[in-house]
Amino acid sequence: MSAKQVRPTPLAAKDSTVDDGELVRACLAGDEAAWETLVLRYERLIYSVALRSGVTHQDAVDVFQQVVVVLLEGLERLQRVESLTAWLVAATRRTSAAVVAERRRSLPIPDRHDRPSDDRAPDDTIDAVRRQHTLELAFERLDDRCRELLTALFLGDSELSYKEIAARWDAPIGSIGPTRRRCLAKLHRLYLEAGGDEP
């Protein structure tokens, strides 16, 4: 390696603090850990969209692999990193549709009374999966304190009162409400930055 070449710094495989733009740049620079992080970050989204598009679990594995190959081949041409989630949803839907069509072509034609209904998910279901995935990405990027507070308030097995949270954090009870508002505002900002839509 010459003195002018800079070796990319590998990214931790599950580092949720690294944004997609940084990941894409690292991938393009040949950082394998960044590629692994990018694939892991979007794996659940790709599988969810594939399964909701009517493919079998076995076919979803093939769809995932095909979409990842298309992503690898098209990463340099990605013009707006903010559109990565939407691009992956569209690529997954196209690939899933091709797999479903191929599967149907290879099956014998059933009697018209035995034909299965079109069990693909409507667009709004797929959009809901995309929004949920984007929200999960944003939630992962919150600082620990905000993530803990929002989990305690909204996602825990039992919702804790402000008094219980204040005691757990050794904080004044009057600080919990303002902290909750700031954390929700951060989550909203991170959601929009991750490509989420305004409600």
C-alpha atoms as a PDB file:
ATOM      1  CA  MET A   1       0.000   0.000   0.000  1.00  0.00           C
ATOM      2  CA  SER A   2       1.525   3.338  -0.995  1.00  0.00           C
ATOM      3  CA  ALA A   3       1.782   6.302   1.343  1.00  0.00           C
ATOM      4  CA  LYS A   4      -1.046   8.077  -0.477  1.00  0.00           C
ATOM      5  CA  GLN A   5      -3.520   5.186  -0.182  1.00  0.00           C
ATOM      6  CA  VAL A   6      -5.648   5.227   2.909  1.00  0.00           C
ATOM      7  CA  ARG A   7      -6.913   1.959   4.263  1.00  0.00           C
ATOM      8  CA  PRO A   8     -10.577   2.250   5.316  1.00  0.00           C
ATOM      9  CA  THR A   9     -11.262   1.803   9.001  1.00  0.00           C
ATOM     10  CA  PRO A  10     -13.403  -1.307   9.468  1.00  0.00           C
ATOM     11  CA  LEU A  11     -16.794  -0.630  10.997  1.00  0.00           C
ATOM     12  CA  ALA A  12     -18.176  -2.761  13.784  1.00  0.00           C
ATOM     13  CA  ALA A  13     -20.557  -5.330  12.325  1.00  0.00           C
ATOM     14  CA  LYS A  14     -23.572  -4.212  14.342  1.00  0.00           C
ATOM     15  CA  ASP A  15     -22.768  -0.533  14.854  1.00  0.00           C
ATOM     16  CA  SER A  16     -26.141   1.207  14.736  1.00  0.00           C
ATOM     17  CA  THR A  17     -24.597   4.644  15.212  1.00  0.00           C
ATOM     18  CA  VAL A  18     -23.109   4.640  11.715  1.00  0.00           C
ATOM     19  CA  ASP A  19     -25.527   6.194   9.226  1.00  0.00           C
ATOM     20  CA  ASP A  20     -26.260   4.710   5.817  1.00  0.00           C
ATOM     21  CA  GLY A  21     -24.243   7.362   3.972  1.00  0.00           C
ATOM     22  CA  GLU A  22     -21.118   6.514   5.924  1.00  0.00           C
ATOM     23  CA  LEU A  23     -21.765   2.800   5.421  1.00  0.00           C
ATOM     24  CA  VAL A  24     -22.211   3.174   1.667  1.00  0.00           C
ATOM     25  CA  ARG A  25     -19.003   5.218   1.379  1.00  0.00           C
ATOM     26  CA  ALA A  26     -17.127   2.586   3.403  1.00  0.00           C
ATOM     27  CA  CYS A  27     -18.593  -0.211   1.255  1.00  0.00           C
ATOM     28  CA  LEU A  28     -17.487   1.556  -1.899  1.00  0.00           C
ATOM     29  CA  ALA A  29     -13.996   1.866  -0.367  1.00  0.00           C
ATOM     30  CA  GLY A  30     -13.905  -1.922   0.071  1.00  0.00           C
ATOM     31  CA  ASP A  31     -14.689  -2.175   3.781  1.00  0.00           C
ATOM     32  CA  GLU A  32     -16.085  -5.698   4.291  1.00  0.00           C
ATOM     33  CA  ALA A  33     -17.316  -4.950   7.820  1.00  0.00           C
ATOM     34  CA  ALA A  34     -19.330  -2.020   6.449  1.00  0.00           C
ATOM     35  CA  TRP A  35     -20.884  -4.310   3.820  1.00  0.00           C
ATOM     36  CA  GLU A  36     -21.775  -6.840   6.525  1.00  0.00           C
ATOM     37  CA  THR A  37     -23.326  -4.062   8.628  1.00  0.00           C
ATOM     38  CA  LEU A  38     -25.349  -2.771   5.676  1.00  0.00           C
ATOM     39  CA  VAL A  39     -26.639  -6.244   4.813  1.00  0.00           C
ATOM     40  CA  LEU A  40     -27.496  -7.043   8.454  1.00  0.00           C
ATOM     41  CA  ARG A  41     -29.248  -3.695   8.857  1.00  0.00           C
ATOM     42  CA  TYR A  42     -31.618  -4.369   5.951  1.00  0.00           C
ATOM     43  CA  GLU A  43     -31.922  -8.165   6.142  1.00  0.00           C
ATOM     44  CA  ARG A  44     -35.159  -8.117   8.144  1.00  0.00           C
ATOM     45  CA  LEU A  45     -36.749  -5.537   5.831  1.00  0.00           C
ATOM     46  CA  ILE A  46     -35.915  -7.557   2.707  1.00  0.00           C
ATOM     47  CA  TYR A  47     -37.268 -10.796   4.192  1.00  0.00           C
ATOM     48  CA  SER A  48     -40.441  -9.090   5.467  1.00  0.00           C
ATOM     49  CA  VAL A  49     -41.231  -7.498   2.108  1.00  0.00           C
ATOM     50  CA  ALA A  50     -40.497 -10.756   0.278  1.00  0.00           C
ATOM     51  CA  LEU A  51     -42.756 -12.812   2.541  1.00  0.00           C
ATOM     52  CA  ARG A  52     -45.533 -10.242   2.348  1.00  0.00           C
ATOM     53  CA  SER A  53     -45.201 -10.279  -1.427  1.00  0.00           C
ATOM     54  CA  GLY A  54     -46.325 -13.895  -1.526  1.00  0.00           C
ATOM     55  CA  VAL A  55     -43.096 -15.910  -1.717  1.00  0.00           C
ATOM     56  CA  THR A  56     -42.471 -18.970   0.437  1.00  0.00           C
ATOM     57  CA  HIS A  57     -39.902 -18.940   3.237  1.00  0.00           C
ATOM     58  CA  GLN A  58     -37.581 -20.983   1.029  1.00  0.00           C
ATOM     59  CA  ASP A  59     -38.016 -18.541  -1.865  1.00  0.00           C
ATOM     60  CA  ALA A  60     -37.479 -15.592   0.499  1.00  0.00           C
ATOM     61  CA  VAL A  61     -33.904 -16.821   0.999  1.00  0.00           C
ATOM     62  CA  ASP A  62     -33.374 -16.691  -2.780  1.00  0.00           C
ATOM     63  CA  VAL A  63     -35.020 -13.265  -3.008  1.00  0.00           C
ATOM     64  CA  PHE A  64     -32.775 -11.970  -0.220  1.00  0.00           C
ATOM     65  CA  GLN A  65     -29.648 -13.235  -1.979  1.00  0.00           C
ATOM     66  CA  GLN A  66     -30.716 -11.785  -5.326  1.00  0.00           C
ATOM     67  CA  VAL A  67     -31.509  -8.380  -3.804  1.00  0.00           C
ATOM     68  CA  VAL A  68     -28.168  -8.295  -1.989  1.00  0.00           C
ATOM     69  CA  VAL A  69     -26.354  -9.058  -5.271  1.00  0.00           C
ATOM     70  CA  VAL A  70     -28.319  -6.305  -7.039  1.00  0.00           C
ATOM     71  CA  LEU A  71     -27.451  -3.925  -4.196  1.00  0.00           C
ATOM     72  CA  LEU A  72     -23.766  -4.809  -4.455  1.00  0.00           C
ATOM     73  CA  GLU A  73     -23.787  -4.303  -8.213  1.00  0.00           C
ATOM     74  CA  GLY A  74     -25.785  -1.055  -8.025  1.00  0.00           C
ATOM     75  CA  LEU A  75     -24.269   0.584  -4.957  1.00  0.00           C
ATOM     76  CA  GLU A  76     -22.075   2.909  -7.023  1.00  0.00           C
ATOM     77  CA  ARG A  77     -25.126   4.125  -8.948  1.00  0.00           C
ATOM     78  CA  LEU A  78     -27.193   4.863  -5.843  1.00  0.00           C
ATOM     79  CA  GLN A  79     -27.782   8.583  -6.193  1.00  0.00           C
ATOM     80  CA  ARG A  80     -29.456   9.379  -2.861  1.00  0.00           C
ATOM     81  CA  VAL A  81     -28.549   7.321   0.173  1.00  0.00           C
ATOM     82  CA  GLU A  82     -31.779   8.555   1.813  1.00  0.00           C
ATOM     83  CA  SER A  83     -33.711   6.534  -0.756  1.00  0.00           C
ATOM     84  CA  LEU A  84     -31.908   3.263   0.065  1.00  0.00           C
ATOM     85  CA  THR A  85     -34.833   1.840   2.058  1.00  0.00           C
ATOM     86  CA  ALA A  86     -37.341   2.649  -0.690  1.00  0.00           C
ATOM     87  CA  TRP A  87     -34.935   1.298  -3.323  1.00  0.00           C
ATOM     88  CA  LEU A  88     -34.562  -1.977  -1.400  1.00  0.00           C
ATOM     89  CA  VAL A  89     -38.334  -2.301  -0.963  1.00  0.00           C
ATOM     90  CA  ALA A  90     -38.857  -1.779  -4.703  1.00  0.00           C
ATOM     91  CA  ALA A  91     -36.048  -4.206  -5.631  1.00  0.00           C
ATOM     92  CA  THR A  92     -37.418  -6.818  -3.228  1.00  0.00           C
ATOM     93  CA  ARG A  93     -40.947  -6.457  -4.593  1.00  0.00           C
ATOM     94  CA  ARG A  94     -39.719  -6.789  -8.203  1.00  0.00           C
ATOM     95  CA  THR A  95     -37.595  -9.817  -7.368  1.00  0.00           C
ATOM     96  CA  SER A  96     -40.415 -11.408  -5.356  1.00  0.00           C
ATOM     97  CA  ALA A  97     -42.881 -10.854  -8.194  1.00  0.00           C
ATOM     98  CA  ALA A  98     -40.471 -12.537 -10.610  1.00  0.00           C
ATOM     99  CA  VAL A  99     -40.029 -15.508  -8.246  1.00  0.00           C
ATOM    100  CA  VAL A 100     -43.807 -15.859  -7.751  1.00  0.00           C
ATOM    101  CA  ALA A 101     -44.393 -15.631 -11.517  1.00  0.00           C
ATOM    102  CA  GLU A 102     -41.704 -18.246 -12.184  1.00  0.00           C
ATOM    103  CA  ARG A 103     -43.163 -20.538  -9.522  1.00  0.00           C
ATOM    104  CA  ARG A 104     -46.649 -20.201 -11.065  1.00  0.00           C
ATOM    105  CA  ARG A 105     -45.314 -20.929 -14.551  1.00  0.00           C
ATOM    106  CA  SER A 106     -43.734 -24.143 -13.289  1.00  0.00           C
ATOM    107  CA  LEU A 107     -46.924 -25.402 -11.609  1.00  0.00           C
ATOM    108  CA  PRO A 108     -49.629 -27.327 -13.468  1.00  0.00           C
ATOM    109  CA  ILE A 109     -52.656 -25.210 -14.309  1.00  0.00           C
ATOM    110  CA  PRO A 110     -55.337 -25.933 -11.711  1.00  0.00           C
ATOM    111  CA  ASP A 111     -59.018 -26.225 -12.377  1.00  0.00           C
ATOM    112  CA  ARG A 112     -60.549 -22.729 -12.255  1.00  0.00           C
ATOM    113  CA  HIS A 113     -62.352 -23.605  -8.987  1.00  0.00           C
ATOM    114  CA  ASP A 114     -59.087 -24.673  -7.350  1.00  0.00           C
ATOM    115  CA  ARG A 115     -57.084 -21.570  -8.218  1.00  0.00           C
ATOM    116  CA  PRO A 116     -55.477 -19.920  -5.212  1.00  0.00           C
ATOM    117  CA  SER A 117     -56.289 -16.338  -4.501  1.00  0.00           C
ATOM    118  CA  ASP A 118     -53.639 -13.682  -5.032  1.00  0.00           C
ATOM    119  CA  ASP A 119     -52.134 -13.651  -1.545  1.00  0.00           C
ATOM    120  CA  ARG A 120     -49.638 -10.849  -2.050  1.00  0.00           C
ATOM    121  CA  ALA A 121     -49.827  -8.074   0.483  1.00  0.00           C
ATOM    122  CA  PRO A 122     -51.402  -4.789  -0.530  1.00  0.00           C
ATOM    123  CA  ASP A 123     -49.111  -1.802  -0.972  1.00  0.00           C
ATOM    124  CA  ASP A 124     -50.170  -0.304   2.344  1.00  0.00           C
ATOM    125  CA  THR A 125     -48.954  -3.397   4.230  1.00  0.00           C
ATOM    126  CA  ILE A 126     -45.578  -3.235   2.536  1.00  0.00           C
ATOM    127  CA  ASP A 127     -45.389   0.492   3.255  1.00  0.00           C
ATOM    128  CA  ALA A 128     -46.166  -0.264   6.907  1.00  0.00           C
ATOM    129  CA  VAL A 129     -43.263  -2.752   6.995  1.00  0.00           C
ATOM    130  CA  ARG A 130     -40.963  -0.119   5.470  1.00  0.00           C
ATOM    131  CA  ARG A 131     -42.075   2.494   8.021  1.00  0.00           C
ATOM    132  CA  GLN A 132     -41.625   0.042  10.893  1.00  0.00           C
ATOM    133  CA  HIS A 133     -38.131  -0.837   9.692  1.00  0.00           C
ATOM    134  CA  THR A 134     -37.209   2.836   9.390  1.00  0.00           C
ATOM    135  CA  LEU A 135     -38.539   3.481  12.899  1.00  0.00           C
ATOM    136  CA  GLU A 136     -36.490   0.570  14.261  1.00  0.00           C
ATOM    137  CA  LEU A 137     -33.363   2.008  12.623  1.00  0.00           C
ATOM    138  CA  ALA A 138     -34.071   5.404  14.171  1.00  0.00           C
ATOM    139  CA  PHE A 139     -34.736   3.842  17.584  1.00  0.00           C
ATOM    140  CA  GLU A 140     -31.390   1.989  17.444  1.00  0.00           C
ATOM    141  CA  ARG A 141     -29.620   5.302  16.805  1.00  0.00           C
ATOM    142  CA  LEU A 142     -31.033   6.975  19.911  1.00  0.00           C
ATOM    143  CA  ASP A 143     -28.664   7.474  22.816  1.00  0.00           C
ATOM    144  CA  ASP A 144     -28.921   4.869  25.591  1.00  0.00           C
ATOM    145  CA  ARG A 145     -30.816   7.119  28.015  1.00  0.00           C
ATOM    146  CA  CYS A 146     -33.548   7.965  25.492  1.00  0.00           C
ATOM    147  CA  ARG A 147     -33.811   4.352  24.357  1.00  0.00           C
ATOM    148  CA  GLU A 148     -34.170   3.204  27.982  1.00  0.00           C
ATOM    149  CA  LEU A 149     -36.768   5.878  28.801  1.00  0.00           C
ATOM    150  CA  LEU A 150     -38.922   5.218  25.736  1.00  0.00           C
ATOM    151  CA  THR A 151     -38.685   1.465  26.300  1.00  0.00           C
ATOM    152  CA  ALA A 152     -39.751   1.889  29.930  1.00  0.00           C
ATOM    153  CA  LEU A 153     -42.646   4.169  28.964  1.00  0.00           C
ATOM    154  CA  PHE A 154     -43.950   2.474  25.836  1.00  0.00           C
ATOM    155  CA  LEU A 155     -42.295  -0.848  25.027  1.00  0.00           C
ATOM    156  CA  GLY A 156     -41.649  -2.662  28.285  1.00  0.00           C
ATOM    157  CA  ASP A 157     -43.628  -5.632  29.551  1.00  0.00           C
ATOM    158  CA  SER A 158     -45.359  -3.317  31.997  1.00  0.00           C
ATOM    159  CA  GLU A 159     -45.485   0.431  31.604  1.00  0.00           C
ATOM    160  CA  LEU A 160     -43.722   2.198  34.433  1.00  0.00           C
ATOM    161  CA  SER A 161     -45.043   5.376  36.012  1.00  0.00           C
ATOM    162  CA  TYR A 162     -43.027   8.583  35.986  1.00  0.00           C
ATOM    163  CA  LYS A 163     -42.484   8.057  39.713  1.00  0.00           C
ATOM    164  CA  GLU A 164     -41.009   4.561  39.155  1.00  0.00           C
ATOM    165  CA  ILE A 165     -38.776   5.796  36.333  1.00  0.00           C
ATOM    166  CA  ALA A 166     -37.591   8.775  38.394  1.00  0.00           C
ATOM    167  CA  ALA A 167     -36.699   6.437  41.266  1.00  0.00           C
ATOM    168  CA  ARG A 168     -34.881   4.033  38.919  1.00  0.00           C
ATOM    169  CA  TRP A 169     -32.852   6.884  37.370  1.00  0.00           C
ATOM    170  CA  ASP A 170     -32.419   8.799  40.629  1.00  0.00           C
ATOM    171  CA  ALA A 171     -33.883  11.854  38.885  1.00  0.00           C
ATOM    172  CA  PRO A 172     -36.559  14.392  39.834  1.00  0.00           C
ATOM    173  CA  ILE A 173     -40.021  13.239  38.781  1.00  0.00           C
ATOM    174  CA  GLY A 174     -40.573  16.594  37.058  1.00  0.00           C
ATOM    175  CA  SER A 175     -37.701  15.888  34.652  1.00  0.00           C
ATOM    176  CA  ILE A 176     -39.242  12.743  33.129  1.00  0.00           C
ATOM    177  CA  GLY A 177     -41.914  14.493  31.018  1.00  0.00           C
ATOM    178  CA  PRO A 178     -39.526  17.034  29.422  1.00  0.00           C
ATOM    179  CA  THR A 179     -36.939  14.291  28.848  1.00  0.00           C
ATOM    180  CA  ARG A 180     -39.617  12.128  27.205  1.00  0.00           C
ATOM    181  CA  ARG A 181     -40.561  15.019  24.866  1.00  0.00           C
ATOM    182  CA  ARG A 182     -36.905  15.600  23.914  1.00  0.00           C
ATOM    183  CA  CYS A 183     -36.395  11.881  23.281  1.00  0.00           C
ATOM    184  CA  LEU A 184     -39.509  11.658  21.108  1.00  0.00           C
ATOM    185  CA  ALA A 185     -38.324  14.723  19.162  1.00  0.00           C
ATOM    186  CA  LYS A 186     -34.909  13.050  18.644  1.00  0.00           C
ATOM    187  CA  LEU A 187     -36.619   9.850  17.524  1.00  0.00           C
ATOM    188  CA  HIS A 188     -38.752  11.811  15.048  1.00  0.00           C
ATOM    189  CA  ARG A 189     -35.683  13.601  13.646  1.00  0.00           C
ATOM    190  CA  LEU A 190     -33.745  10.316  13.308  1.00  0.00           C
ATOM    191  CA  TYR A 191     -36.771   8.688  11.662  1.00  0.00           C
ATOM    192  CA  LEU A 192     -36.924  11.426   9.042  1.00  0.00           C
ATOM    193  CA  GLU A 193     -33.150  11.263   8.512  1.00  0.00           C
ATOM    194  CA  ALA A 194     -33.439   7.501   7.955  1.00  0.00           C
ATOM    195  CA  GLY A 195     -35.936   8.136   5.135  1.00  0.00           C
ATOM    196  CA  GLY A 196     -39.193   8.012   7.078  1.00  0.00           C
ATOM    197  CA  ASP A 197     -42.286   9.879   5.916  1.00  0.00           C
ATOM    198  CA  GLU A 198     -43.938  12.729   7.796  1.00  0.00           C
ATOM    199  CA  PRO A 199     -47.108  11.448   9.504  1.00  0.00           C
END
